[in-house]
Amino acid sequence: MPDTQALVNDFLNKLKKRKIEGSRATAKQTAELLRSVISQTRVPYTNQAGALIDSVKAVGERLIAANPVELAVGNIVRRVLHIIREEDLSLATAAVAGLNLSAVSDDENDADRDDHPVLSAAAVAAASRSTLRPPSLQTLLEDVPDSAAIPHTSSSGGDSEGKSKSADKSTRSRKLKHDVIEAVNELIQDISTCHEQIAEQAVEHIHQNEVILTLGSSRTVLEFLCAAKEKKRSFRIFVAEGAPRYQGHLLAKELVTRGLQTTLITDSAIFAMISRVNMVIVGAHAVMANGGVIAPVGLNMVALAAQKHAVPFVVLAGSHKLCPLYPHNPEVLLNELRSPSELLDFGEFSDCLDFGSGIGAPLLHVVNPTFDYVPPKLVSLFITDTGGHNPSYMYRLIADYYSADDLVVQRRPTSGN
């Protein structure tokens, strides 16, 4: 089995060097890494969940710091922390239920037990706590005279009881790790199949002879449109090219390859063409807790044009893109600047970039942001792998996936000596 630290360092390098393309691939690899961390974490007899949470947070802090713009990393770290808490709560609930069952176990066939009252769950819990608590000095002194009267069989029974308790703790520890790993496997499966889950809903939203507008390139949007085509829906697609990376060219080519009627337009022509459009369908980089969207640059302009002409603006996003943070949170980095070489050729503009002003600064500055922020008021509908939702409902959907204690991924401070 590979060393966990080596896996973590390798993934950190990929995040820092931006070698992983797309939120889906990033989310899946993050979940797989955290699964390895959990499987190799040694869990103590007590506070098993706390040990797993500390291990995940220790790695999660480093992953988030390596690429703060890729919010899918933090989303998956928080999802795994929520899974640990949920599975630990489930086991604790099952343990309490077991105490209740043992307290009301069938005593009808035992005539010797008819005179003994049935203990309540609270009494059983108190008794179990007292057996785990070390005896006081007074108790030891009071029990000394009677110690000789205790037969040897009771001592061996006590030893076996202690061994059984130790075995129960070890079993519960293994059970917690097993359940957490199984839940993480389900999370990885959900991330892998999110495109298919979203695409299944295409026929409910795309109708005959409609005109759809999208911008840039998104695998989710591609599968969504192709799924509608497979259901014998006939429609036309306008694809804005998505300058300066021109990802729309790749999407238009793929759509034509799959037999969809496609028209490629420039970004500056969006407002001129929006009046012919029935619906805007786009992907997202992240969906914030307030329903706002962090999306590829240019989509805020598309959303404003759609609002002006009363065209529905639909956002497709897998559940791994749902972020429990708000845009104003200090942990959220909304944007990053890409290389100016995507906008201009340094050879042609070298004279403009010279330090000719005499104050140590170039005459020409190039700003090339990666993302836009689309406020929730401009979004008509979110389509996720769990169904369609209004922007006002996103906070409730996000609350099902995350715990409030994990919004800030930070390890508990260790107490000083």
Protein backbone atom coordinates (compact mmCIF):
# COMPACT_ATOMS: atom_id res chain seq x y z
CA MET A 1 0.00 0.00 0.00
CA PRO A 2 1.48 3.39 -0.96
CA ASP A 3 2.50 5.79 1.75
CA THR A 4 -0.25 8.28 2.57
CA GLN A 5 2.18 11.17 2.95
CA ALA A 6 3.58 10.51 -0.52
CA LEU A 7 0.07 10.49 -1.97
CA VAL A 8 -0.76 13.75 -0.22
CA ASN A 9 2.43 15.47 -1.43
CA ASP A 10 1.87 14.30 -4.99
CA PHE A 11 -1.70 15.60 -4.99
CA LEU A 12 -0.58 18.90 -3.45
CA ASN A 13 1.90 19.39 -6.29
CA LYS A 14 -0.84 18.74 -8.86
CA LEU A 15 -3.10 21.31 -7.20
CA LYS A 16 -0.39 23.96 -6.94
CA LYS A 17 0.67 23.50 -10.56
CA ARG A 18 -2.95 23.41 -11.80
CA LYS A 19 -2.43 20.03 -13.43
CA ILE A 20 -5.97 18.81 -12.72
CA GLU A 21 -8.57 20.18 -15.15
CA GLY A 22 -12.17 20.48 -14.03
CA SER A 23 -14.01 20.44 -10.72
CA ARG A 24 -15.29 16.89 -11.23
CA ALA A 25 -11.82 15.37 -11.63
CA THR A 26 -10.54 17.43 -8.71
CA ALA A 27 -13.42 16.39 -6.46
CA LYS A 28 -13.06 12.72 -7.33
CA GLN A 29 -9.31 12.64 -6.71
CA THR A 30 -9.76 14.53 -3.43
CA ALA A 31 -12.31 11.99 -2.22
CA GLU A 32 -10.05 9.09 -3.22
CA LEU A 33 -7.12 10.63 -1.35
CA LEU A 34 -9.17 11.20 1.80
CA ARG A 35 -10.39 7.61 1.60
CA SER A 36 -6.76 6.47 1.69
CA VAL A 37 -6.07 8.77 4.64
CA ILE A 38 -9.01 7.34 6.58
CA SER A 39 -8.12 3.73 5.81
CA GLN A 40 -4.56 4.20 7.12
CA THR A 41 -5.48 6.22 10.20
CA ARG A 42 -5.03 4.32 13.45
CA VAL A 43 -8.16 4.84 15.51
CA PRO A 44 -8.00 4.69 19.33
CA TYR A 45 -10.55 2.91 21.52
CA THR A 46 -12.08 6.21 22.61
CA ASN A 47 -13.14 9.14 20.43
CA GLN A 48 -12.70 7.29 17.16
CA ALA A 49 -14.62 9.95 15.22
CA GLY A 50 -12.44 12.69 16.67
CA ALA A 51 -9.28 10.92 15.50
CA LEU A 52 -10.64 10.54 11.97
CA ILE A 53 -11.82 14.15 11.89
CA ASP A 54 -8.41 15.42 13.01
CA SER A 55 -6.67 13.33 10.33
CA VAL A 56 -8.96 14.57 7.58
CA LYS A 57 -8.69 18.18 8.73
CA ALA A 58 -4.89 17.98 8.86
CA VAL A 59 -4.80 16.93 5.21
CA GLY A 60 -7.75 19.10 4.18
CA GLU A 61 -6.10 22.31 5.39
CA ARG A 62 -3.11 21.69 3.15
CA LEU A 63 -5.23 20.76 0.14
CA ILE A 64 -7.40 23.87 0.38
CA ALA A 65 -4.36 26.12 0.80
CA ALA A 66 -2.71 24.59 -2.28
CA ASN A 67 -5.43 25.87 -4.62
CA PRO A 68 -7.98 28.12 -2.85
CA VAL A 69 -9.78 28.92 -6.10
CA GLU A 70 -10.75 25.28 -6.67
CA LEU A 71 -13.64 25.22 -4.21
CA ALA A 72 -14.43 21.58 -5.01
CA VAL A 73 -11.47 20.55 -2.83
CA GLY A 74 -12.91 22.23 0.25
CA ASN A 75 -16.37 20.93 -0.60
CA ILE A 76 -15.20 17.32 -0.60
CA VAL A 77 -13.17 17.76 2.58
CA ARG A 78 -16.26 19.11 4.34
CA ARG A 79 -18.45 16.36 2.86
CA VAL A 80 -16.12 13.68 4.24
CA LEU A 81 -16.09 15.36 7.66
CA HIS A 82 -19.88 15.39 7.60
CA ILE A 83 -19.88 11.69 6.69
CA ILE A 84 -17.68 10.87 9.69
CA ARG A 85 -20.00 12.75 12.04
CA GLU A 86 -23.09 11.12 10.56
CA GLU A 87 -21.69 7.60 10.75
CA ASP A 88 -20.51 8.13 14.33
CA LEU A 89 -23.96 9.41 15.29
CA SER A 90 -25.54 6.41 13.59
CA LEU A 91 -23.37 3.99 15.57
CA ALA A 92 -24.08 5.84 18.81
CA THR A 93 -27.81 5.69 18.11
CA ALA A 94 -27.54 1.97 17.41
CA ALA A 95 -25.64 1.49 20.68
CA VAL A 96 -28.38 3.27 22.63
CA ALA A 97 -30.98 1.14 20.88
CA GLY A 98 -28.97 -1.94 21.88
CA LEU A 99 -29.05 -0.83 25.52
CA ASN A 100 -32.81 -0.41 25.33
CA LEU A 101 -33.19 -3.87 23.82
CA SER A 102 -30.98 -5.45 26.48
CA ALA A 103 -32.91 -3.68 29.22
CA VAL A 104 -36.21 -5.14 28.03
CA SER A 105 -34.85 -8.55 26.97
CA ASP A 106 -37.16 -11.53 27.25
CA ASP A 107 -37.31 -12.71 30.86
CA GLU A 108 -40.59 -14.62 30.63
CA ASN A 109 -38.95 -18.07 30.58
CA ASP A 110 -36.67 -17.38 33.56
CA ALA A 111 -38.62 -17.79 36.79
CA ASP A 112 -35.69 -16.69 38.91
CA ARG A 113 -35.78 -13.20 37.41
CA ASP A 114 -39.44 -12.43 38.03
CA ASP A 115 -38.68 -10.53 41.23
CA HIS A 116 -35.99 -8.31 39.66
CA PRO A 117 -37.12 -5.00 38.16
CA VAL A 118 -36.30 -4.19 34.54
CA LEU A 119 -33.68 -1.46 34.26
CA SER A 120 -34.39 1.61 32.22
CA ALA A 121 -32.09 2.78 29.43
CA ALA A 122 -30.84 5.60 31.65
CA ALA A 123 -30.04 3.15 34.43
CA VAL A 124 -28.22 0.84 32.03
CA ALA A 125 -26.23 3.76 30.65
CA ALA A 126 -25.33 4.89 34.18
CA ALA A 127 -24.27 1.35 35.05
CA SER A 128 -22.08 1.09 32.00
CA ARG A 129 -20.46 4.42 32.84
CA SER A 130 -19.79 3.24 36.41
CA THR A 131 -18.11 0.06 35.17
CA LEU A 132 -15.79 2.09 33.01
CA ARG A 133 -15.02 4.55 35.83
CA PRO A 134 -12.07 3.62 38.14
CA PRO A 135 -13.25 2.67 41.68
CA SER A 136 -12.76 5.16 44.48
CA LEU A 137 -10.43 4.51 47.46
CA GLN A 138 -13.43 4.22 49.79
CA THR A 139 -14.97 1.56 47.59
CA LEU A 140 -11.72 -0.41 47.56
CA LEU A 141 -11.42 -0.27 51.37
CA GLU A 142 -15.03 -1.30 51.89
CA ASP A 143 -14.62 -4.28 49.55
CA VAL A 144 -11.42 -5.61 51.17
CA PRO A 145 -13.12 -7.80 53.87
CA ASP A 146 -15.40 -9.38 51.30
CA SER A 147 -12.69 -10.00 48.78
CA ALA A 148 -11.79 -13.38 50.25
CA ALA A 149 -15.38 -14.55 49.91
CA ILE A 150 -15.42 -13.89 46.21
CA PRO A 151 -14.89 -17.14 44.34
CA HIS A 152 -12.18 -17.50 41.70
CA THR A 153 -14.75 -18.02 38.97
CA SER A 154 -16.02 -14.48 39.36
CA SER A 155 -12.51 -13.17 38.80
CA SER A 156 -12.20 -15.08 35.57
CA GLY A 157 -15.66 -13.88 34.63
CA GLY A 158 -14.55 -10.31 35.24
CA ASP A 159 -11.52 -10.86 33.08
CA SER A 160 -13.65 -12.27 30.30
CA GLU A 161 -16.05 -9.36 30.68
CA GLY A 162 -13.18 -6.91 30.38
CA LYS A 163 -11.90 -8.72 27.32
CA SER A 164 -15.37 -8.64 25.77
CA LYS A 165 -15.62 -4.90 26.38
CA SER A 166 -12.21 -4.41 24.77
CA ALA A 167 -13.31 -6.54 21.84
CA ASP A 168 -16.53 -4.52 21.54
CA LYS A 169 -14.55 -1.28 21.42
CA SER A 170 -12.22 -2.68 18.78
CA THR A 171 -15.19 -3.94 16.77
CA ARG A 172 -16.90 -0.56 16.97
CA SER A 173 -13.68 1.13 15.86
CA ARG A 174 -13.45 -1.13 12.81
CA LYS A 175 -17.17 -0.66 12.18
CA LEU A 176 -16.83 3.13 12.15
CA LYS A 177 -13.94 3.10 9.68
CA HIS A 178 -15.72 0.56 7.50
CA ASP A 179 -18.93 2.59 7.40
CA VAL A 180 -17.08 5.83 6.68
CA ILE A 181 -15.10 4.26 3.84
CA GLU A 182 -18.29 2.78 2.38
CA ALA A 183 -19.97 6.20 2.50
CA VAL A 184 -16.94 7.82 0.83
CA ASN A 185 -17.12 5.16 -1.88
CA GLU A 186 -20.72 6.15 -2.47
CA LEU A 187 -19.64 9.79 -2.68
CA ILE A 188 -17.01 8.91 -5.29
CA GLN A 189 -19.64 6.99 -7.25
CA ASP A 190 -22.00 9.98 -7.11
CA ILE A 191 -19.27 12.27 -8.44
CA SER A 192 -18.49 9.82 -11.26
CA THR A 193 -22.12 9.55 -12.36
CA CYS A 194 -23.26 13.15 -11.79
CA HIS A 195 -23.26 13.88 -15.55
CA GLU A 196 -25.59 10.96 -16.23
CA GLN A 197 -27.89 11.89 -13.34
CA ILE A 198 -28.23 15.46 -14.60
CA ALA A 199 -28.59 14.41 -18.24
CA GLU A 200 -31.55 12.18 -17.39
CA GLN A 201 -33.55 15.34 -16.61
CA ALA A 202 -32.89 16.97 -20.00
CA VAL A 203 -36.14 15.83 -21.61
CA GLU A 204 -38.11 17.61 -18.85
CA HIS A 205 -36.56 21.00 -19.67
CA ILE A 206 -35.75 21.04 -23.40
CA HIS A 207 -38.73 21.01 -25.75
CA GLN A 208 -39.28 20.68 -29.47
CA ASN A 209 -37.89 23.41 -31.79
CA GLU A 210 -36.37 25.44 -28.97
CA VAL A 211 -33.20 27.52 -29.29
CA ILE A 212 -30.63 27.02 -26.53
CA LEU A 213 -27.72 29.36 -25.77
CA THR A 214 -24.58 28.34 -23.91
CA LEU A 215 -21.09 29.74 -23.44
CA GLY A 216 -17.71 28.05 -23.35
CA SER A 217 -17.29 24.32 -22.85
CA SER A 218 -18.84 22.16 -20.14
CA ARG A 219 -18.99 18.37 -20.05
CA THR A 220 -22.21 18.55 -18.04
CA VAL A 221 -23.87 20.80 -20.62
CA LEU A 222 -22.66 18.58 -23.46
CA GLU A 223 -24.16 15.42 -21.93
CA PHE A 224 -27.35 17.29 -21.04
CA LEU A 225 -27.91 18.49 -24.61
CA CYS A 226 -27.01 15.14 -26.14
CA ALA A 227 -29.43 13.35 -23.81
CA ALA A 228 -32.25 15.55 -25.11
CA LYS A 229 -31.18 14.75 -28.66
CA GLU A 230 -31.35 11.02 -27.92
CA LYS A 231 -34.97 11.51 -26.79
CA LYS A 232 -35.81 12.68 -30.34
CA ARG A 233 -36.04 16.33 -29.36
CA SER A 234 -35.20 18.66 -32.25
CA PHE A 235 -33.63 21.97 -31.19
CA ARG A 236 -30.89 24.38 -32.13
CA ILE A 237 -27.91 25.54 -30.07
CA PHE A 238 -26.08 28.86 -30.07
CA VAL A 239 -22.58 28.50 -28.65
CA ALA A 240 -20.69 31.63 -27.60
CA GLU A 241 -16.99 31.04 -28.18
CA GLY A 242 -15.85 31.94 -24.65
CA ALA A 243 -12.85 34.15 -25.36
CA PRO A 244 -9.96 34.27 -24.67
CA ARG A 245 -9.57 30.49 -24.30
CA TYR A 246 -12.23 29.82 -26.96
CA GLN A 247 -13.54 26.71 -25.26
CA GLY A 248 -16.78 27.21 -27.17
CA HIS A 249 -15.01 26.08 -30.33
CA LEU A 250 -14.40 22.67 -28.76
CA LEU A 251 -18.00 22.37 -27.58
CA ALA A 252 -19.40 23.38 -30.99
CA LYS A 253 -17.25 20.77 -32.70
CA GLU A 254 -18.35 18.05 -30.28
CA LEU A 255 -22.03 18.98 -30.68
CA VAL A 256 -21.79 18.81 -34.46
CA THR A 257 -20.04 15.44 -34.20
CA ARG A 258 -23.02 14.14 -32.22
CA GLY A 259 -25.50 15.45 -34.77
CA LEU A 260 -26.87 18.60 -33.11
CA GLN A 261 -27.63 21.78 -35.06
CA THR A 262 -25.09 24.29 -33.79
CA THR A 263 -24.34 27.96 -34.45
CA LEU A 264 -21.08 29.44 -33.18
CA ILE A 265 -21.23 33.15 -32.25
CA THR A 266 -18.83 35.65 -30.75
CA ASP A 267 -19.21 36.75 -27.15
CA SER A 268 -19.97 40.30 -28.27
CA ALA A 269 -22.98 39.02 -30.27
CA ILE A 270 -24.76 37.54 -27.24
CA PHE A 271 -27.01 40.52 -26.62
CA ALA A 272 -27.91 40.72 -30.30
CA MET A 273 -28.87 37.03 -30.46
CA ILE A 274 -30.53 36.60 -27.06
CA SER A 275 -33.97 37.67 -28.35
CA ARG A 276 -34.09 34.51 -30.47
CA VAL A 277 -33.24 32.23 -27.58
CA ASN A 278 -35.75 30.23 -25.52
CA MET A 279 -33.38 29.17 -22.73
CA VAL A 280 -29.81 29.67 -21.53
CA ILE A 281 -28.13 26.50 -20.20
CA VAL A 282 -24.66 26.82 -18.70
CA GLY A 283 -22.31 25.01 -16.36
CA ALA A 284 -20.77 26.33 -13.15
CA HIS A 285 -17.49 26.30 -11.31
CA ALA A 286 -19.20 26.46 -7.90
CA VAL A 287 -22.59 27.23 -6.36
CA MET A 288 -22.46 29.28 -3.18
CA ALA A 289 -24.72 29.00 -0.14
CA ASN A 290 -26.76 32.05 -1.16
CA GLY A 291 -27.49 30.62 -4.62
CA GLY A 292 -24.87 32.72 -6.36
CA VAL A 293 -22.73 31.10 -9.04
CA ILE A 294 -19.00 31.26 -9.69
CA ALA A 295 -18.81 30.55 -13.41
CA PRO A 296 -16.43 31.01 -16.35
CA VAL A 297 -15.79 34.64 -17.25
CA GLY A 298 -18.49 36.12 -19.48
CA LEU A 299 -21.47 34.37 -17.95
CA ASN A 300 -22.55 37.37 -15.90
CA MET A 301 -22.97 39.23 -19.18
CA VAL A 302 -25.08 36.34 -20.50
CA ALA A 303 -27.22 36.33 -17.35
CA LEU A 304 -27.86 40.07 -17.61
CA ALA A 305 -28.87 39.72 -21.26
CA ALA A 306 -31.20 36.83 -20.38
CA GLN A 307 -32.83 38.84 -17.60
CA LYS A 308 -33.34 41.79 -19.93
CA HIS A 309 -35.22 39.60 -22.43
CA ALA A 310 -36.97 37.37 -19.82
CA VAL A 311 -35.11 34.26 -20.96
CA PRO A 312 -34.72 31.48 -18.35
CA PHE A 313 -31.13 31.14 -17.10
CA VAL A 314 -30.52 27.51 -16.07
CA VAL A 315 -27.36 26.34 -14.29
CA LEU A 316 -26.22 22.70 -14.31
CA ALA A 317 -24.08 21.65 -11.35
CA GLY A 318 -23.25 18.38 -9.62
CA SER A 319 -23.67 18.17 -5.86
CA HIS A 320 -19.88 18.27 -5.42
CA LYS A 321 -19.98 21.89 -6.64
CA LEU A 322 -22.34 23.02 -3.88
CA CYS A 323 -20.29 25.14 -1.50
CA PRO A 324 -21.51 25.87 2.06
CA LEU A 325 -19.73 29.22 2.15
CA TYR A 326 -21.01 32.65 1.13
CA PRO A 327 -19.19 34.88 -1.38
CA HIS A 328 -18.23 37.36 1.34
CA ASN A 329 -16.54 34.67 3.48
CA PRO A 330 -12.80 35.37 3.85
CA GLU A 331 -12.09 31.71 3.01
CA VAL A 332 -13.55 32.16 -0.47
CA LEU A 333 -11.23 33.28 -3.26
CA LEU A 334 -13.58 34.21 -6.08
CA ASN A 335 -11.11 34.68 -8.89
CA GLU A 336 -7.62 34.31 -10.22
CA LEU A 337 -5.78 35.94 -13.12
CA ARG A 338 -4.58 33.88 -16.03
CA SER A 339 -1.59 34.56 -18.27
CA PRO A 340 -1.75 37.69 -20.48
CA SER A 341 -0.46 35.55 -23.35
CA GLU A 342 -4.03 34.32 -23.88
CA LEU A 343 -5.02 37.87 -24.87
CA LEU A 344 -2.08 39.13 -26.91
CA ASP A 345 1.19 38.17 -28.51
CA PHE A 346 4.16 39.49 -26.55
CA GLY A 347 6.14 39.84 -29.77
CA GLU A 348 3.64 42.28 -31.26
CA PHE A 349 3.09 44.26 -28.05
CA SER A 350 6.62 44.24 -26.67
CA ASP A 351 7.02 47.99 -27.26
CA CYS A 352 3.86 48.68 -25.20
CA LEU A 353 5.09 46.47 -22.38
CA ASP A 354 8.47 48.22 -22.11
CA PHE A 355 9.14 50.29 -19.01
CA GLY A 356 8.99 53.47 -21.03
CA SER A 357 7.18 55.71 -18.58
CA GLY A 358 10.32 56.27 -16.52
CA ILE A 359 8.59 55.37 -13.26
CA GLY A 360 9.34 51.65 -13.35
CA ALA A 361 5.91 50.53 -14.62
CA PRO A 362 4.78 49.36 -18.10
CA LEU A 363 2.42 51.50 -20.15
CA LEU A 364 0.10 48.59 -20.93
CA HIS A 365 -1.55 46.40 -18.31
CA VAL A 366 -3.32 43.14 -19.17
CA VAL A 367 -6.02 41.70 -16.89
CA ASN A 368 -7.29 38.21 -17.70
CA PRO A 369 -9.71 36.96 -14.99
CA THR A 370 -10.87 33.36 -14.97
CA PHE A 371 -14.31 33.57 -13.37
CA ASP A 372 -17.44 35.66 -13.11
CA TYR A 373 -19.86 35.89 -10.21
CA VAL A 374 -23.54 35.57 -11.11
CA PRO A 375 -25.86 36.73 -8.28
CA PRO A 376 -28.80 34.47 -7.39
CA LYS A 377 -31.38 36.96 -8.65
CA LEU A 378 -30.19 36.30 -12.21
CA VAL A 379 -30.55 32.48 -11.94
CA SER A 380 -33.89 30.91 -12.83
CA LEU A 381 -33.20 27.27 -11.94
CA PHE A 382 -30.46 24.94 -10.72
CA ILE A 383 -30.40 21.38 -12.05
CA THR A 384 -28.31 19.05 -9.92
CA ASP A 385 -28.00 15.27 -9.73
CA THR A 386 -30.78 15.36 -7.13
CA GLY A 387 -33.25 17.32 -9.28
CA GLY A 388 -34.22 20.89 -10.10
CA HIS A 389 -34.12 23.57 -7.40
CA ASN A 390 -34.81 27.27 -7.10
CA PRO A 391 -31.91 29.50 -5.95
CA SER A 392 -33.74 30.21 -2.69
CA TYR A 393 -33.69 26.48 -1.85
CA MET A 394 -29.97 25.95 -2.29
CA TYR A 395 -29.12 26.79 1.31
CA ARG A 396 -31.43 23.99 2.48
CA LEU A 397 -29.94 21.52 0.02
CA ILE A 398 -26.43 22.45 1.11
CA ALA A 399 -27.38 21.96 4.78
CA ASP A 400 -28.02 18.27 4.03
CA TYR A 401 -24.44 17.77 2.85
CA TYR A 402 -22.39 19.73 5.39
CA SER A 403 -22.07 20.23 9.14
CA ALA A 404 -21.90 23.71 10.62
CA ASP A 405 -18.82 22.68 12.64
CA ASP A 406 -16.84 22.08 9.44
CA LEU A 407 -17.38 25.34 7.57
CA VAL A 408 -13.89 26.42 8.60
CA VAL A 409 -11.53 23.50 8.09
CA GLN A 410 -9.07 23.91 10.92
CA ARG A 411 -7.63 21.44 13.39
CA ARG A 412 -8.34 21.83 17.07
CA PRO A 413 -5.49 23.59 18.85
CA THR A 414 -3.39 21.26 20.94
CA SER A 415 -3.09 22.11 24.62
CA GLY A 416 0.33 23.36 25.70
CA ASN A 417 2.45 21.67 28.32
